[in-house]
Protein backbone atom coordinates (compact mmCIF):
# COMPACT_ATOMS: atom_id res chain seq x y z
CA MET A 1 82.19 -72.56 17.50
CA ARG A 2 80.50 -69.12 17.79
CA PRO A 3 76.77 -69.98 17.27
CA ALA A 4 76.39 -71.56 20.71
CA PRO A 5 77.40 -68.44 22.68
CA ILE A 6 75.16 -66.28 20.43
CA ALA A 7 72.20 -68.61 21.06
CA MET A 8 72.88 -68.51 24.79
CA THR A 9 72.99 -64.70 24.70
CA GLN A 10 69.68 -64.48 22.85
CA THR A 11 68.09 -66.92 25.33
CA ALA A 12 69.35 -64.79 28.23
CA GLN A 13 67.89 -61.69 26.55
CA LEU A 14 64.49 -63.30 26.22
CA GLN A 15 64.53 -64.47 29.83
CA SER A 16 65.46 -60.97 31.02
CA GLU A 17 62.69 -59.35 28.96
CA ARG A 18 60.03 -61.82 30.07
CA GLN A 19 61.06 -61.49 33.70
CA ALA A 20 60.77 -57.70 33.46
CA LEU A 21 57.34 -57.97 31.80
CA ARG A 22 56.14 -60.28 34.58
CA ARG A 23 57.30 -57.67 37.08
CA LEU A 24 55.26 -55.00 35.30
CA ASP A 25 52.22 -57.30 35.30
CA ILE A 26 52.59 -57.79 39.07
CA ALA A 27 53.01 -54.04 39.59
CA ALA A 28 49.86 -53.36 37.51
CA PHE A 29 47.90 -55.93 39.53
CA LEU A 30 49.03 -54.43 42.84
CA MET A 31 48.43 -50.83 41.73
CA ASP A 32 44.85 -51.46 40.65
CA THR A 33 44.22 -53.59 43.73
CA GLY A 34 45.06 -50.52 45.79
CA LEU A 35 43.29 -48.12 43.46
CA GLY A 36 40.19 -50.32 43.32
CA THR A 37 40.15 -50.43 47.12
CA VAL A 38 40.46 -46.67 47.45
CA SER A 39 37.96 -45.93 44.67
CA LEU A 40 35.23 -47.73 46.59
CA ALA A 41 36.42 -46.55 50.01
CA LEU A 42 36.19 -42.88 48.99
CA PRO A 43 32.38 -42.81 48.59
CA LEU A 44 32.05 -44.92 51.74
CA TRP A 45 34.06 -42.30 53.62
CA GLY A 46 31.93 -39.64 51.95
CA LEU A 47 28.80 -41.30 53.33
CA HIS A 48 30.46 -41.31 56.74
CA LEU A 49 30.77 -37.52 56.30
CA ALA A 50 27.06 -37.29 55.37
CA ALA A 51 27.74 -36.51 51.70
CA SER A 52 24.74 -35.95 49.43
CA SER A 53 24.26 -37.76 46.11
CA SER A 54 25.64 -34.78 44.17
CA GLN A 55 28.65 -34.64 46.46
CA LEU A 56 29.31 -38.34 45.92
CA GLY A 57 29.23 -37.63 42.19
CA LEU A 58 31.71 -34.82 42.78
CA LEU A 59 34.11 -37.27 44.41
CA GLY A 60 34.12 -39.48 41.30
CA SER A 61 34.59 -36.51 38.97
CA ALA A 62 37.31 -35.02 41.16
CA MET A 63 39.33 -38.22 40.85
CA ARG A 64 38.91 -38.70 37.09
CA LEU A 65 39.16 -35.15 35.76
CA PRO A 66 42.86 -34.58 36.65
CA ASN A 67 43.64 -38.04 35.27
CA MET A 68 41.98 -37.15 31.96
CA LEU A 69 43.64 -33.73 31.71
CA LEU A 70 47.15 -34.78 32.71
CA ALA A 71 47.59 -38.27 31.18
CA LEU A 72 48.74 -36.95 27.79
CA THR A 73 51.22 -34.49 29.32
CA PHE A 74 52.62 -37.07 31.71
CA GLY A 75 52.88 -39.59 28.88
CA ARG A 76 55.07 -37.15 26.96
CA LEU A 77 57.07 -36.61 30.13
CA SER A 78 57.90 -40.31 30.21
CA ASP A 79 59.33 -40.00 26.69
CA THR A 80 61.73 -37.40 28.10
CA LEU A 81 62.54 -38.68 31.60
CA GLY A 82 62.17 -42.39 30.93
CA ARG A 83 59.52 -44.75 32.29
CA LYS A 84 60.85 -45.47 35.76
CA VAL A 85 61.00 -41.94 37.23
CA PRO A 86 57.34 -40.97 36.61
CA ALA A 87 56.04 -44.39 37.71
CA ILE A 88 58.01 -44.44 40.97
CA THR A 89 57.20 -40.77 41.63
CA SER A 90 53.51 -41.63 41.25
CA CYS A 91 53.85 -44.43 43.80
CA LEU A 92 55.59 -42.18 46.33
CA LEU A 93 52.94 -39.47 45.93
CA LEU A 94 50.15 -42.02 46.35
CA PHE A 95 51.91 -43.45 49.43
CA ILE A 96 51.55 -40.03 51.11
CA ILE A 97 48.08 -39.16 49.78
CA TYR A 98 46.51 -42.52 50.65
CA ALA A 99 47.97 -42.35 54.16
CA ILE A 100 46.51 -38.90 54.95
CA THR A 101 43.15 -39.25 53.18
CA PRO A 102 41.41 -40.59 56.35
CA MET A 103 42.25 -37.25 57.95
CA ALA A 104 39.58 -35.60 55.76
CA SER A 105 36.90 -34.06 57.97
CA SER A 106 34.74 -32.58 55.19
CA VAL A 107 33.52 -33.68 51.78
CA MET A 108 35.43 -30.88 50.05
CA THR A 109 38.68 -31.97 51.69
CA LEU A 110 37.96 -35.53 50.60
CA ALA A 111 37.34 -34.28 47.04
CA LEU A 112 40.72 -32.52 47.13
CA PHE A 113 42.43 -35.76 48.12
CA ALA A 114 40.52 -37.55 45.34
CA ALA A 115 41.82 -34.99 42.81
CA LEU A 116 45.39 -35.50 44.04
CA ILE A 117 44.96 -39.25 43.68
CA GLY A 118 43.71 -38.80 40.10
CA ALA A 119 46.65 -36.57 39.20
CA SER A 120 49.14 -39.04 40.69
CA VAL A 121 47.55 -41.98 38.87
CA ALA A 122 47.86 -40.04 35.59
CA LEU A 123 51.62 -40.07 36.18
CA PHE A 124 51.66 -43.86 36.57
CA TRP A 125 49.70 -45.56 33.79
CA PRO A 126 51.06 -43.90 30.60
CA SER A 127 54.60 -44.59 31.82
CA MET A 128 53.80 -48.20 32.67
CA GLN A 129 52.06 -48.85 29.35
CA ALA A 130 54.98 -47.37 27.41
CA TRP A 131 57.33 -49.46 29.56
CA VAL A 132 55.55 -52.59 28.36
CA GLY A 133 56.20 -51.46 24.79
CA ASP A 134 59.89 -50.91 25.57
CA LEU A 135 60.21 -54.42 27.00
CA ARG A 136 58.34 -56.40 24.35
CA PRO A 137 59.97 -59.80 23.84
CA SER A 138 62.22 -59.87 20.77
CA SER A 139 60.73 -63.17 19.57
CA GLY A 140 57.22 -62.69 20.92
CA SER A 141 54.09 -60.74 20.17
CA LEU A 142 53.36 -57.27 21.50
CA GLY A 143 49.73 -58.38 21.66
CA VAL A 144 50.67 -61.04 24.22
CA SER A 145 52.49 -58.49 26.38
CA THR A 146 49.70 -55.89 26.35
CA SER A 147 46.98 -58.48 26.94
CA SER A 148 48.82 -59.95 29.92
CA PHE A 149 49.39 -56.48 31.36
CA ASN A 150 45.74 -55.50 30.89
CA ALA A 151 44.47 -58.75 32.40
CA ALA A 152 46.68 -58.11 35.44
CA TRP A 153 45.33 -54.62 36.24
CA SER A 154 41.76 -55.68 35.47
CA ALA A 155 42.01 -58.58 37.92
CA GLY A 156 43.56 -56.24 40.47
CA SER A 157 40.68 -53.80 40.09
CA MET A 158 38.17 -56.56 40.84
CA MET A 159 40.24 -57.70 43.82
CA GLY A 160 40.37 -54.15 45.19
CA ASN A 161 36.61 -53.72 44.95
CA LEU A 162 36.13 -56.94 46.89
CA LEU A 163 38.64 -55.95 49.58
CA ALA A 164 37.37 -52.41 50.09
CA GLY A 165 34.12 -53.29 51.81
CA ALA A 166 35.68 -55.92 54.07
CA LEU A 167 38.54 -53.63 55.13
CA PHE A 168 36.20 -50.67 55.68
CA GLN A 169 34.06 -52.75 58.03
CA VAL A 170 37.11 -53.57 60.16
CA HIS A 171 38.26 -49.93 60.30
CA MET A 172 37.35 -47.01 58.07
CA GLY A 173 40.97 -46.00 57.53
CA LEU A 174 42.22 -49.50 56.72
CA PRO A 175 41.51 -49.42 52.94
CA PHE A 176 43.62 -46.27 52.62
CA TRP A 177 46.48 -47.32 54.89
CA SER A 178 46.78 -50.78 53.34
CA SER A 179 46.80 -49.23 49.85
CA SER A 180 49.47 -46.77 51.01
CA LEU A 181 51.76 -49.63 52.01
CA LEU A 182 50.96 -51.42 48.76
CA VAL A 183 52.13 -48.55 46.52
CA LEU A 184 55.32 -48.22 48.55
CA LEU A 185 55.98 -51.89 47.82
CA ILE A 186 55.33 -51.21 44.11
CA ALA A 187 57.89 -48.38 44.14
CA VAL A 188 60.56 -50.71 45.51
CA PHE A 189 59.52 -53.39 43.03
CA LEU A 190 59.76 -51.03 40.04
CA PHE A 191 63.12 -49.65 41.17
CA ARG A 192 64.55 -53.14 40.62
CA THR A 193 62.92 -53.59 37.19
CA PRO A 194 64.91 -52.87 33.98
CA THR A 195 63.56 -49.98 31.93
CA THR A 196 64.71 -51.02 28.48
CA ALA A 197 65.28 -54.30 26.75
CA PRO A 198 68.81 -55.61 26.25
CA VAL A 199 70.47 -54.79 22.93
CA ARG A 200 69.13 -57.12 20.25
CA PRO A 201 70.54 -58.27 16.92
CA GLN A 202 69.78 -55.71 14.20
CA GLU A 203 67.28 -57.92 12.39
CA ASP A 204 65.26 -58.49 15.59
CA ALA A 205 65.17 -54.78 16.37
CA ALA A 206 63.93 -53.99 12.87
CA ALA A 207 61.15 -56.56 13.21
CA VAL A 208 60.06 -55.14 16.57
CA ASN A 209 59.99 -51.53 15.35
CA ALA A 210 58.25 -52.19 12.04
CA ALA A 211 54.76 -50.70 12.01
CA HIS A 212 51.83 -51.94 9.94
CA PRO A 213 51.38 -49.82 6.79
CA ASP A 214 47.83 -48.87 7.88
CA HIS A 215 48.82 -48.37 11.50
CA ASP A 216 47.67 -44.73 11.79
CA SER A 217 44.15 -45.53 10.55
CA PHE A 218 43.80 -48.43 12.98
CA LEU A 219 45.17 -46.27 15.82
CA ARG A 220 42.61 -43.50 15.29
CA ALA A 221 39.78 -46.01 14.93
CA ALA A 222 40.88 -47.79 18.12
CA TRP A 223 41.11 -44.55 20.09
CA ILE A 224 37.55 -43.47 19.28
CA GLY A 225 36.33 -47.02 19.91
CA ASN A 226 37.99 -46.97 23.32
CA PHE A 227 36.38 -43.62 24.15
CA SER A 228 32.88 -44.78 23.20
CA ALA A 229 33.21 -48.15 24.98
CA TYR A 230 34.23 -46.44 28.21
CA CYS A 231 31.35 -43.98 27.91
CA THR A 232 29.13 -47.01 28.52
CA PHE A 233 31.30 -47.95 31.53
CA GLY A 234 30.78 -44.48 33.01
CA ILE A 235 27.02 -44.80 32.59
CA ILE A 236 26.86 -48.21 34.23
CA MET A 237 29.18 -47.49 37.16
CA ASN A 238 27.39 -44.27 38.11
CA LEU A 239 23.78 -44.83 37.03
CA PHE A 240 22.98 -48.53 36.97
CA PRO A 241 22.66 -48.91 40.77
CA GLU A 242 19.70 -46.52 40.67
CA LEU A 243 18.10 -48.31 37.70
CA GLY A 244 18.66 -51.73 39.27
CA HIS A 245 17.06 -50.67 42.53
CA ALA A 246 14.18 -48.60 41.14
CA GLU A 247 13.01 -50.79 38.24
CA PHE A 248 14.28 -54.29 39.05
CA ASN A 249 14.22 -54.16 42.87
CA LEU A 250 17.73 -55.59 42.99
CA SER A 251 19.64 -55.79 46.26
CA PRO A 252 23.01 -54.00 46.56
CA PHE A 253 24.69 -57.42 46.43
CA ALA A 254 22.92 -58.33 43.17
CA ILE A 255 23.84 -54.96 41.66
CA GLY A 256 27.45 -55.50 42.70
CA CYS A 257 27.49 -58.96 41.12
CA LEU A 258 26.16 -57.60 37.83
CA ILE A 259 28.74 -54.81 37.76
CA MET A 260 31.44 -57.32 38.62
CA LEU A 261 30.47 -59.21 35.44
CA LEU A 262 31.86 -56.25 33.49
CA GLY A 263 35.28 -56.66 35.08
CA LEU A 264 35.21 -60.43 34.78
CA ALA A 265 34.26 -60.36 31.09
CA ARG A 266 36.89 -57.68 30.44
CA THR A 267 39.61 -59.69 32.21
CA ILE A 268 38.75 -62.90 30.33
CA THR A 269 38.79 -60.96 27.05
CA PHE A 270 42.24 -59.56 27.84
CA TRP A 271 43.49 -63.04 28.66
CA TYR A 272 42.03 -64.58 25.50
CA MET A 273 43.38 -61.85 23.21
CA GLY A 274 46.86 -62.54 24.51
CA ARG A 275 46.61 -66.11 23.29
CA TRP A 276 44.75 -65.42 20.06
CA ILE A 277 47.32 -63.49 18.04
CA ALA A 278 45.33 -63.23 14.79
CA TRP A 279 43.18 -60.24 15.79
CA PRO A 280 45.52 -57.21 15.32
CA TYR A 281 44.97 -55.18 12.12
CA GLN A 282 41.87 -57.16 11.18
CA THR A 283 38.98 -54.83 10.35
CA ARG A 284 36.26 -57.43 10.81
CA PHE A 285 36.86 -57.66 14.57
CA MET A 286 36.81 -53.90 15.06
CA PHE A 287 33.71 -53.54 12.87
CA ARG A 288 31.80 -56.03 15.04
CA SER A 289 32.81 -54.74 18.48
CA LEU A 290 30.76 -51.55 18.79
CA PRO A 291 27.61 -52.99 17.16
CA ALA A 292 27.89 -55.72 19.81
CA ALA A 293 28.09 -52.98 22.47
CA ALA A 294 24.94 -51.39 21.03
CA LEU A 295 23.20 -54.77 21.39
CA GLY A 296 24.31 -55.04 25.02
CA LEU A 297 23.04 -51.54 25.76
CA LEU A 298 19.68 -52.28 24.14
CA LEU A 299 19.34 -55.45 26.23
CA ILE A 300 19.77 -53.33 29.36
CA ALA A 301 17.45 -50.58 28.09
CA PHE A 302 14.56 -52.91 27.23
CA ALA A 303 15.11 -55.77 29.70
CA PRO A 304 11.78 -56.80 31.26
CA THR A 305 13.56 -59.12 33.70
CA PRO A 306 16.91 -58.94 35.51
CA TRP A 307 18.07 -62.13 33.80
CA LEU A 308 18.33 -60.28 30.46
CA LEU A 309 20.75 -57.86 32.10
CA VAL A 310 23.35 -60.64 32.43
CA PRO A 311 24.13 -61.05 28.70
CA GLY A 312 24.08 -57.28 28.31
CA PHE A 313 26.76 -56.83 30.97
CA VAL A 314 28.87 -59.71 29.62
CA ILE A 315 28.77 -58.27 26.09
CA LEU A 316 29.71 -54.79 27.27
CA GLY A 317 32.58 -56.10 29.43
CA SER A 318 33.95 -58.04 26.46
CA VAL A 319 33.73 -55.02 24.16
CA MET A 320 35.51 -52.85 26.74
CA GLY A 321 38.27 -55.45 26.91
CA PHE A 322 38.64 -55.59 23.12
CA SER A 323 38.51 -51.79 22.70
CA PHE A 324 41.01 -51.02 25.49
CA ASN A 325 43.43 -53.74 24.40
CA SER A 326 43.26 -52.65 20.74
CA SER A 327 43.84 -49.01 21.64
CA LEU A 328 46.86 -49.84 23.80
CA LEU A 329 48.42 -52.24 21.29
CA TYR A 330 48.16 -49.79 18.40
CA SER A 331 49.49 -47.00 20.66
CA LEU A 332 52.59 -49.12 21.32
CA SER A 333 53.04 -50.56 17.83
CA SER A 334 54.91 -47.55 16.43
CA PRO A 335 58.27 -46.74 18.06
CA GLU A 336 57.79 -42.95 17.89
CA ASN A 337 56.46 -40.94 20.87
CA VAL A 338 55.17 -44.03 22.66
CA GLY A 339 54.63 -42.21 25.95
CA ALA A 340 52.53 -39.50 24.28
CA LYS A 341 50.42 -42.11 22.50
CA THR A 342 49.78 -44.13 25.65
CA GLY A 343 48.86 -40.86 27.34
CA ARG A 344 46.27 -40.18 24.65
CA HIS A 345 45.04 -43.77 24.95
CA GLU A 346 44.55 -43.29 28.70
CA THR A 347 42.90 -39.90 28.13
CA MET A 348 40.37 -41.48 25.76
CA ALA A 349 39.38 -44.14 28.29
CA VAL A 350 39.10 -41.79 31.27
CA GLY A 351 37.44 -39.11 29.12
CA GLY A 352 34.87 -41.66 28.03
CA ILE A 353 34.06 -42.51 31.64
CA MET A 354 33.71 -38.81 32.50
CA THR A 355 31.50 -38.10 29.48
CA GLY A 356 29.26 -41.10 30.10
CA SER A 357 28.89 -40.22 33.77
CA LEU A 358 28.03 -36.56 33.23
CA LEU A 359 25.81 -36.76 30.14
CA GLY A 360 24.20 -39.99 31.31
CA GLY A 361 23.22 -38.36 34.57
CA ILE A 362 21.59 -35.44 32.76
CA LEU A 363 19.68 -37.77 30.43
CA ALA A 364 18.51 -40.00 33.28
CA GLU A 365 17.27 -37.09 35.34
CA THR A 366 15.53 -35.43 32.38
CA PHE A 367 14.11 -38.32 30.35
CA GLY A 368 14.18 -41.42 32.55
CA LEU A 369 16.57 -44.02 33.92
CA ARG A 370 16.72 -46.15 30.76
CA THR A 371 17.33 -43.25 28.37
CA PRO A 372 21.15 -43.12 28.79
CA TYR A 373 21.43 -46.69 27.51
CA LEU A 374 19.36 -45.92 24.41
CA VAL A 375 21.38 -42.79 23.63
CA ALA A 376 24.64 -44.65 24.26
CA ALA A 377 23.53 -47.40 21.84
CA LEU A 378 22.98 -44.74 19.16
CA PHE A 379 26.32 -43.10 19.97
CA VAL A 380 28.41 -46.28 19.72
CA SER A 381 26.63 -47.12 16.46
CA LEU A 382 27.64 -43.74 15.02
CA VAL A 383 31.22 -44.25 16.21
CA SER A 384 31.20 -47.65 14.51
CA LEU A 385 30.26 -45.94 11.25
CA ARG A 386 33.16 -43.53 11.74
CA GLN A 387 35.51 -46.46 12.27
CA ARG A 388 34.33 -47.90 8.96
CA GLN A 389 35.13 -44.61 7.26
CA LEU A 390 38.63 -44.52 8.76
CA LEU A 391 39.31 -48.12 7.70
CA LYS A 392 37.50 -48.02 4.37
CA GLY A 393 39.14 -50.24 1.79
CA LEU A 394 41.45 -51.97 4.29
């Protein structure tokens, strides 16, 4: 008469884990809704302060550089303190910083607030990503959990970008104050979320913690793929508006729609990968991703008409989704030092954006507006060759 209670216990465990994972998805959606709102509101506030183009670039760098430098350290911190403390601390810091950012009366003060935002965000994401790994369902796929989580923040980022302009038109401080209240809500939400999964039967725990024999090779290949894919994101976000206006005579709305295609394609890719569980540890998918990115970059570089930009943006958004999801899944697939690995994963993505933004700007100014896309196509092709070396014979 004992199997029935055991089955009921296992069912309750699964329900608890899935409920906690849904809570993390909601928190990720809300966080990037606020962050997406603030990310666009910052340059708008900078324009209100009569910022120059170089100063607007400084705002973007000021926000990303602390994130890149601190993500690995804060990821390791979550291995020591647990996932909940860093994540909630990040929310409380952002609650204060967002609320006082509209007090900035100079571009340099605004850049300081942007740097504080970047540092606080670096405390949030590695902890949250590791938390997803801690709460993976005992009878489910880690790929499903990471894909759902990634789709949630990606959708939130798009939502935030849409809200920022509308809120800024109502009142310039509204994007910051609304985001401040949002992160406070997230802190309360996370406080009520379990940090670890319930104790599982020994055989289930062993299955969850078992790593693929070639895990380390796939992890390194995914990290460099993530870095190179997000180099292209940095180029597009910072440099495409100028190319679209100067060479295609696109309106700001049309440029925004094209850039939004990146987020839409990325979100759909996250969603699809969560339902298509055959992709992990398959070399053929990784080998095709960066060559596809090179194709998308070449379409943008040589496009004679704006219509050819559309497939280029869709391809690049899909590759970013595949690369980011792969990097996160492999970072979580081994039970050792999960926080440190998610910190490195986050560092690779943010570092790619920084590198693409800075080097792309130099190339565009020196050699022409289309040059960054050509150089990026060559770069991702070389990284693809390196991935093949890392995964040779697998």
